[in-house]
Protein backbone atom coordinates (compact mmCIF):
# COMPACT_ATOMS: atom_id res chain seq x y z
CA MET A 1 6.77 27.92 8.36
CA PRO A 2 10.19 29.36 7.50
CA PRO A 3 11.85 27.64 4.54
CA PRO A 4 14.76 25.33 5.29
CA SER A 5 18.10 27.01 4.77
CA GLY A 6 20.68 25.87 2.25
CA ARG A 7 20.79 22.91 -0.12
CA GLU A 8 21.23 19.97 2.20
CA ARG A 9 23.21 16.91 1.21
CA THR A 10 21.99 14.02 3.33
CA THR A 11 22.45 10.27 3.16
CA LEU A 12 20.83 8.15 5.85
CA ILE A 13 21.07 4.36 5.68
CA GLU A 14 19.45 1.68 7.84
CA THR A 15 19.19 -1.84 6.41
CA THR A 16 18.15 -1.23 2.78
CA ARG A 17 16.58 2.14 3.54
CA SER A 18 18.19 5.25 2.16
CA ILE A 19 17.51 8.85 1.30
CA THR A 20 19.76 11.02 -0.84
CA LEU A 21 19.61 14.57 -2.13
CA THR A 22 21.83 15.29 -5.14
CA PRO A 23 22.07 17.88 -7.92
CA TYR A 24 19.82 17.35 -10.95
CA GLY A 25 20.69 20.38 -13.07
CA ALA A 26 19.95 24.09 -13.32
CA LEU A 27 17.04 26.21 -14.51
CA PRO A 28 17.53 28.75 -17.32
CA ASN A 29 18.07 31.45 -14.67
CA GLY A 30 20.88 29.43 -13.11
CA GLU A 31 18.98 28.23 -10.02
CA ALA A 32 20.04 24.72 -8.99
CA VAL A 33 17.55 21.85 -8.91
CA ASP A 34 17.99 18.77 -6.73
CA ILE A 35 16.54 15.29 -6.85
CA VAL A 36 15.57 13.48 -3.64
CA ALA A 37 15.64 9.66 -3.82
CA MET A 38 14.00 7.48 -1.16
CA ARG A 39 14.19 3.70 -0.79
CA ASN A 40 12.34 1.59 1.78
CA ASP A 41 12.80 -1.92 3.20
CA HIS A 42 10.96 -3.44 0.21
CA ASP A 43 13.22 -1.66 -2.30
CA MET A 44 10.42 0.64 -3.37
CA VAL A 45 12.02 3.80 -4.75
CA VAL A 46 10.51 7.28 -5.01
CA GLU A 47 12.32 10.19 -6.65
CA VAL A 48 11.15 13.80 -6.25
CA LEU A 49 12.49 16.95 -7.90
CA THR A 50 12.70 20.27 -6.07
CA TYR A 51 11.44 21.83 -9.30
CA GLY A 52 7.66 21.63 -9.22
CA GLY A 53 7.78 19.04 -6.44
CA ILE A 54 7.66 16.59 -9.33
CA VAL A 55 7.36 12.87 -8.55
CA LYS A 56 9.78 11.62 -11.18
CA THR A 57 9.92 7.93 -10.29
CA ILE A 58 7.87 5.40 -8.33
CA GLU A 59 9.63 2.06 -8.64
CA VAL A 60 7.72 -0.86 -7.19
CA ALA A 61 7.69 -4.64 -7.68
CA ASP A 62 5.07 -6.63 -9.56
CA ALA A 63 3.59 -9.98 -8.51
CA ASP A 64 6.72 -11.77 -9.76
CA GLY A 65 9.05 -9.49 -7.81
CA SER A 66 10.26 -7.54 -10.86
CA SER A 67 10.49 -3.78 -10.28
CA ALA A 68 9.46 -1.05 -12.70
CA ASN A 69 8.79 2.65 -12.60
CA VAL A 70 5.01 3.15 -12.65
CA ALA A 71 5.07 6.98 -12.92
CA LEU A 72 5.26 8.67 -16.31
CA GLY A 73 7.81 11.42 -16.62
CA LEU A 74 10.49 13.00 -18.76
CA GLY A 75 14.15 12.32 -19.37
CA ASN A 76 15.76 15.56 -18.21
CA LEU A 77 15.16 18.86 -16.45
CA ASP A 78 14.94 20.90 -19.66
CA ASP A 79 11.99 18.80 -20.82
CA TYR A 80 10.17 19.35 -17.52
CA VAL A 81 10.71 23.11 -17.82
CA ILE A 82 9.18 23.41 -21.29
CA ASN A 83 6.49 20.73 -20.89
CA SER A 84 2.91 21.60 -19.94
CA PHE A 85 1.47 18.17 -19.12
CA TYR A 86 2.09 18.52 -15.33
CA PHE A 87 3.91 15.17 -15.04
CA GLY A 88 4.11 14.30 -11.33
CA ALA A 89 3.89 17.93 -10.20
CA ILE A 90 2.41 19.76 -7.22
CA ILE A 91 -0.66 21.61 -8.48
CA GLY A 92 -1.55 25.00 -6.97
CA ARG A 93 -2.53 27.44 -5.82
CA VAL A 94 -5.77 25.97 -7.13
CA ALA A 95 -6.05 22.59 -8.82
CA ASN A 96 -8.32 22.11 -11.82
CA ARG A 97 -10.27 24.90 -13.52
CA ILE A 98 -11.50 28.31 -12.45
CA ALA A 99 -14.22 29.54 -14.78
CA TYR A 100 -13.07 32.29 -17.14
CA GLY A 101 -10.16 33.09 -14.83
CA ALA A 102 -12.23 35.04 -12.34
CA PHE A 103 -13.70 34.75 -8.85
CA THR A 104 -15.03 37.04 -6.13
CA LEU A 105 -14.04 36.84 -2.46
CA ASP A 106 -15.42 39.15 0.24
CA GLY A 107 -16.85 41.40 -2.45
CA VAL A 108 -13.51 41.82 -4.24
CA SER A 109 -13.18 40.55 -7.81
CA TYR A 110 -9.94 38.87 -8.88
CA ARG A 111 -8.72 38.19 -12.40
CA LEU A 112 -6.36 35.27 -12.89
CA ALA A 113 -3.89 34.31 -15.58
CA ILE A 114 -5.62 32.38 -18.38
CA ASN A 115 -3.76 29.33 -19.65
CA GLU A 116 -6.59 27.13 -20.97
CA PRO A 117 -8.87 29.62 -22.72
CA PRO A 118 -11.32 30.64 -21.46
CA ASN A 119 -10.27 29.25 -18.06
CA SER A 120 -7.43 29.32 -15.57
CA LEU A 121 -6.11 25.78 -15.15
CA HIS A 122 -4.00 24.31 -12.34
CA GLY A 123 -2.86 27.66 -10.92
CA GLY A 124 -2.07 29.40 -14.20
CA PRO A 125 0.84 29.29 -16.66
CA ARG A 126 3.39 29.65 -13.83
CA GLY A 127 1.68 27.66 -11.12
CA PHE A 128 3.31 25.62 -8.38
CA ASP A 129 4.36 23.02 -10.97
CA LYS A 130 6.80 25.59 -12.42
CA LYS A 131 8.32 26.80 -9.12
CA LEU A 132 11.54 25.89 -7.34
CA TRP A 133 10.86 24.53 -3.84
CA SER A 134 13.35 24.47 -0.98
CA ALA A 135 13.92 20.98 0.39
CA HIS A 136 14.57 19.39 3.77
CA PRO A 137 15.06 15.59 3.70
CA PHE A 138 14.17 13.69 6.88
CA SER A 139 14.35 10.18 8.26
CA GLU A 140 12.12 8.89 11.07
CA ARG A 141 11.58 5.53 12.71
CA ASP A 142 8.78 4.45 10.37
CA SER A 143 9.45 6.52 7.26
CA GLN A 144 11.68 8.86 5.32
CA GLY A 145 10.91 11.73 3.03
CA VAL A 146 11.33 15.35 2.10
CA ARG A 147 9.56 18.54 3.14
CA LEU A 148 9.26 21.08 0.36
CA HIS A 149 8.52 24.75 0.97
CA TYR A 150 7.44 27.56 -1.34
CA ARG A 151 6.21 31.09 -0.54
CA SER A 152 3.77 32.32 -3.17
CA ALA A 153 3.71 36.12 -3.27
CA ASP A 154 0.57 38.22 -3.02
CA GLY A 155 -0.76 38.69 -6.56
CA GLU A 156 1.12 35.75 -8.09
CA GLU A 157 -0.92 34.54 -11.08
CA GLY A 158 -3.63 36.90 -9.80
CA PHE A 159 -4.25 35.18 -6.44
CA PRO A 160 -4.47 37.34 -3.29
CA GLY A 161 -2.29 36.93 -0.20
CA ASN A 162 1.19 35.69 0.56
CA LEU A 163 0.82 31.93 0.83
CA ASP A 164 3.37 29.82 2.73
CA THR A 165 3.05 26.26 1.45
CA GLU A 166 4.67 23.05 2.68
CA VAL A 167 4.32 19.73 0.89
CA SER A 168 5.81 16.60 2.46
CA TYR A 169 6.47 13.37 0.60
CA ARG A 170 6.85 10.41 2.97
CA LEU A 171 7.76 6.81 2.02
CA PHE A 172 6.96 4.31 4.77
CA ASN A 173 9.59 1.70 5.55
CA ASP A 174 7.46 -1.38 6.20
CA THR A 175 4.71 -0.83 3.59
CA ASN A 176 4.83 0.37 0.00
CA THR A 177 2.95 3.55 0.83
CA LEU A 178 3.73 7.04 -0.43
CA ARG A 179 2.02 9.72 1.66
CA ILE A 180 1.69 13.38 0.64
CA ASP A 181 0.84 16.00 3.27
CA TYR A 182 -0.08 19.56 2.33
CA ARG A 183 -0.05 22.58 4.64
CA ALA A 184 -0.57 26.27 3.85
CA GLU A 185 -1.11 29.60 5.64
CA THR A 186 -2.01 33.03 4.26
CA ASP A 187 -1.87 36.66 5.39
CA LYS A 188 -4.94 37.67 3.33
CA PRO A 189 -8.19 35.88 2.42
CA THR A 190 -7.49 33.65 -0.58
CA ILE A 191 -8.40 30.32 -2.15
CA VAL A 192 -6.33 27.11 -2.04
CA ASN A 193 -6.81 23.66 -3.54
CA LEU A 194 -3.63 21.55 -3.74
CA THR A 195 -3.04 18.14 -5.29
CA ASN A 196 -0.44 16.04 -7.10
CA HIS A 197 -0.65 15.24 -10.81
CA THR A 198 1.27 11.98 -11.16
CA TYR A 199 0.39 9.95 -14.24
CA PHE A 200 0.35 6.23 -13.40
CA ASN A 201 0.70 3.10 -15.47
CA LEU A 202 0.99 0.07 -13.22
CA GLY A 203 2.39 -1.95 -16.11
CA GLY A 204 5.40 0.36 -16.13
CA GLU A 205 6.38 3.65 -17.73
CA GLY A 206 6.41 3.35 -21.52
CA SER A 207 4.53 0.02 -21.51
CA GLY A 208 1.63 1.30 -23.62
CA SER A 209 -2.03 1.66 -22.81
CA ALA A 210 -3.27 1.77 -19.23
CA LEU A 211 -6.89 1.42 -20.29
CA ARG A 212 -6.92 -2.30 -19.44
CA HIS A 213 -6.37 -1.46 -15.79
CA GLU A 214 -9.38 -2.18 -13.58
CA LEU A 215 -10.62 0.80 -11.58
CA GLU A 216 -12.88 1.19 -8.55
CA ILE A 217 -13.95 4.63 -7.26
CA ASN A 218 -15.76 5.12 -3.95
CA ALA A 219 -18.32 7.61 -5.24
CA ASP A 220 -22.04 7.52 -5.93
CA TYR A 221 -22.00 10.91 -7.66
CA TYR A 222 -19.88 12.74 -10.22
CA LEU A 223 -19.76 16.31 -11.51
CA PRO A 224 -20.96 16.67 -15.12
CA LEU A 225 -19.13 19.15 -17.35
CA ASN A 226 -20.22 21.82 -19.79
CA ALA A 227 -18.60 22.59 -23.15
CA ASP A 228 -15.79 24.56 -21.41
CA LEU A 229 -14.96 21.52 -19.23
CA LEU A 230 -16.37 23.33 -16.19
CA PRO A 231 -18.71 21.66 -13.69
CA THR A 232 -22.33 22.57 -14.27
CA GLY A 233 -22.85 22.77 -10.50
CA GLU A 234 -24.85 19.54 -10.36
CA LEU A 235 -24.00 16.27 -8.65
CA CYS A 236 -25.31 13.45 -10.83
CA PRO A 237 -25.66 9.77 -9.91
CA VAL A 238 -23.11 7.49 -11.53
CA GLN A 239 -25.64 4.67 -11.62
CA GLY A 240 -26.54 3.66 -15.16
CA THR A 241 -23.73 5.72 -16.72
CA PRO A 242 -20.18 5.00 -17.93
CA MET A 243 -19.05 7.01 -14.88
CA ASP A 244 -19.98 4.18 -12.54
CA PHE A 245 -16.86 2.61 -11.02
CA ARG A 246 -18.42 1.63 -7.70
CA SER A 247 -17.42 -1.91 -8.58
CA PRO A 248 -14.20 -2.60 -10.50
CA HIS A 249 -14.32 -2.17 -14.28
CA PRO A 250 -11.60 -1.98 -16.93
CA ILE A 251 -11.15 1.67 -17.86
CA GLU A 252 -11.46 0.77 -21.54
CA GLU A 253 -14.78 -1.03 -21.07
CA ARG A 254 -16.98 2.06 -21.53
CA VAL A 255 -14.56 4.86 -22.39
CA ARG A 256 -15.64 4.87 -26.05
CA GLU A 257 -19.36 5.04 -25.38
CA GLY A 258 -20.76 8.02 -27.22
CA THR A 259 -22.21 9.86 -24.24
CA ARG A 260 -22.02 13.65 -24.11
CA GLN A 261 -19.82 13.63 -21.02
CA LEU A 262 -17.19 11.33 -22.54
CA LEU A 263 -17.27 13.32 -25.78
CA LEU A 264 -16.73 16.62 -23.95
CA GLY A 265 -13.79 15.31 -21.94
CA LYS A 266 -12.36 13.20 -24.78
CA GLY A 267 -12.70 10.40 -22.26
CA TYR A 268 -12.68 10.50 -18.46
CA ASP A 269 -11.72 13.93 -17.09
CA HIS A 270 -14.20 14.32 -14.25
CA ASN A 271 -14.48 15.07 -10.55
CA TYR A 272 -16.11 12.46 -8.34
CA ALA A 273 -17.79 13.33 -5.04
CA LEU A 274 -16.38 10.75 -2.65
CA ASN A 275 -18.77 8.95 -0.30
CA ARG A 276 -17.86 11.00 2.74
CA SER A 277 -20.22 11.69 5.64
CA GLY A 278 -20.93 15.29 6.62
CA ASP A 279 -17.86 17.28 7.67
CA ASP A 280 -15.71 14.18 8.16
CA SER A 281 -12.17 14.86 6.95
CA SER A 282 -10.46 11.64 8.04
CA LEU A 283 -8.42 9.49 5.67
CA LEU A 284 -10.96 7.79 3.40
CA PHE A 285 -10.68 5.06 0.78
CA ALA A 286 -11.11 6.80 -2.58
CA ALA A 287 -10.05 4.40 -5.32
CA ARG A 288 -8.33 1.13 -6.20
CA VAL A 289 -6.58 0.21 -9.44
CA VAL A 290 -5.43 -3.24 -10.53
CA ASP A 291 -3.23 -4.08 -13.50
CA PRO A 292 -4.20 -7.68 -14.34
CA ALA A 293 -1.04 -8.24 -16.38
CA SER A 294 1.61 -7.24 -13.84
CA GLY A 295 -0.45 -7.93 -10.72
CA ARG A 296 0.36 -4.48 -9.32
CA THR A 297 -2.34 -2.70 -7.35
CA MET A 298 -2.69 0.83 -6.04
CA GLU A 299 -5.15 2.23 -3.52
CA VAL A 300 -5.77 5.95 -3.01
CA TRP A 301 -6.77 7.22 0.45
CA THR A 302 -7.40 10.90 1.11
CA THR A 303 -8.85 13.55 3.40
CA GLU A 304 -10.27 15.43 0.38
CA PRO A 305 -13.97 15.55 -0.58
CA GLY A 306 -13.36 14.82 -4.26
CA LEU A 307 -11.27 12.82 -6.68
CA ASP A 308 -10.44 13.85 -10.23
CA PHE A 309 -10.11 10.91 -12.60
CA TYR A 310 -8.24 11.64 -15.83
CA CYS A 311 -7.05 9.01 -18.29
CA GLY A 312 -4.43 10.93 -20.25
CA ASN A 313 -6.82 12.16 -22.95
CA PHE A 314 -4.52 14.97 -24.10
CA LEU A 315 -1.32 12.93 -24.37
CA ASP A 316 -0.67 13.23 -28.09
CA GLY A 317 2.67 11.59 -28.82
CA SER A 318 4.55 14.88 -28.63
CA VAL A 319 6.71 13.94 -25.63
CA VAL A 320 9.09 11.05 -24.98
CA GLY A 321 9.52 9.37 -21.60
CA PRO A 322 12.71 7.99 -20.00
CA SER A 323 11.98 4.66 -21.72
CA GLY A 324 12.44 6.36 -25.09
CA ARG A 325 8.80 5.73 -25.98
CA THR A 326 6.23 8.41 -26.74
CA TYR A 327 3.16 8.93 -24.60
CA ARG A 328 -0.23 8.74 -26.28
CA GLN A 329 -3.86 9.01 -25.27
CA GLY A 330 -4.75 6.41 -22.65
CA ASP A 331 -1.14 5.52 -21.80
CA ALA A 332 -1.70 6.59 -18.18
CA PHE A 333 -4.29 7.68 -15.66
CA ALA A 334 -4.26 10.28 -12.91
CA LEU A 335 -6.23 10.10 -9.67
CA GLU A 336 -6.05 13.55 -8.07
CA PRO A 337 -7.66 14.02 -4.64
CA GLU A 338 -8.87 17.61 -4.38
CA HIS A 339 -11.76 19.96 -3.77
CA PHE A 340 -14.10 20.17 -6.74
CA SER A 341 -13.17 22.05 -9.88
CA ASP A 342 -14.31 25.73 -9.93
CA SER A 343 -15.29 25.64 -6.25
CA ALA A 344 -14.49 29.36 -6.01
CA ASN A 345 -17.53 30.07 -8.20
CA GLN A 346 -19.87 27.35 -6.93
CA ALA A 347 -21.42 28.20 -3.56
CA SER A 348 -22.81 24.68 -3.13
CA PHE A 349 -19.36 23.04 -3.43
CA PRO A 350 -17.01 22.50 -0.45
CA SER A 351 -15.22 25.79 0.09
CA THR A 352 -11.62 26.41 -0.97
CA GLU A 353 -11.36 29.66 1.01
CA LEU A 354 -8.45 30.15 3.40
CA ARG A 355 -8.20 33.08 5.81
CA PRO A 356 -5.47 34.50 8.05
CA GLY A 357 -5.14 32.43 11.22
CA GLN A 358 -6.44 29.29 9.52
CA VAL A 359 -4.27 26.39 8.38
CA TYR A 360 -4.98 24.49 5.19
CA ARG A 361 -4.28 20.77 5.63
CA SER A 362 -4.74 17.85 3.29
CA ALA A 363 -3.30 14.33 3.07
CA THR A 364 -3.25 11.57 0.47
CA GLU A 365 -1.77 8.08 0.52
CA PHE A 366 -0.92 5.93 -2.49
CA ARG A 367 -0.74 2.34 -1.24
CA PHE A 368 0.91 -0.14 -3.63
CA GLY A 369 0.59 -3.92 -3.53
CA VAL A 370 0.15 -7.01 -5.69
CA THR A 371 -2.66 -9.43 -6.44
CA SER A 372 -2.49 -13.19 -6.09
CA ALA A 373 -0.69 -14.77 -9.06
CA ALA A 374 -3.64 -17.12 -9.50
CA CYS A 375 -5.93 -14.18 -10.24
CA ARG A 376 -3.69 -12.52 -12.79
CA ARG A 377 -4.31 -12.33 -16.50
CA PRO A 378 -1.43 -13.48 -18.75
CA ARG A 379 0.64 -10.61 -20.05
CA GLY A 380 -0.43 -9.29 -23.43
CA THR A 381 -4.04 -10.51 -23.21
CA ARG A 382 -7.06 -8.26 -23.20
CA GLY A 383 -9.98 -8.11 -20.82
């Protein structure tokens, strides 16, 4: 997968569809960053940065036809460079936590960069979210998007093997669906677990709490955590616990229950084992979110075995979004399809190993829609 050459400047227009790639600024070392903007036939807009593969904007209409950006983000490139909240970014080489920054593969022990003591989190302090990706915009009959490429060197952040990674963002023209495809190859045995870390608020960026959103997760089991926020290795039934979202519930309904798991995570910060049969890796319904106030809905479909649900527990008011409003705990949620946290050290979990000659592939779709106006809750009211 050779990287695309040059910084392409492309504008393709058909009806209301368009895709543009324009300069967004420069990194401290002088490297130029671009922003790719896509618009479909329904005027849904997605903006992606070549820095970190960051999804900066997802603009979609509510039940009344009014558009708003439903992805949290930052106002300028400098803020993305210094920020560590992973807003909208590609996460890799390995999403989530690796216990104590260590794993063993084929009898060889590897030590990783520690950035959430005592663990390595989301690929380390200079993971894929902090890398500049080369970009190739494309337009096809049913969609438009951008292919991003990054070559991670052998030993980067402690991971073995040169890893060629391609991440494609695709906006479909006739449906409000954003699809993300991941592909990677290595020249040495390694581990890979890629995802995207967009923070969503279907009421709109800067609109306040997202905890009134109603969530459904297609999972009978979740992974309990220990005091270091690492999976214990068990799969526990959600039934009878605040982790049960098999039928829709407002996120806020049980988030303050004083269970050990919610105390450890400061709220929801857990992997769910999706209800997938055997080795099936087809696109599977994972979750659905409804904002009763705006009427916006979002479904998540994925080929991954797990889904990490995080409700912005560590947002602390220290950053300001494009709206000029600060982000605080519960102002957003993330639904991250992935292999389970710490899979490299848990033999019973689906493997994250990748070997020469193999191709890592993963796909996720975020499908946006609206509910019937008759079913919506008046704005400003609580469930």
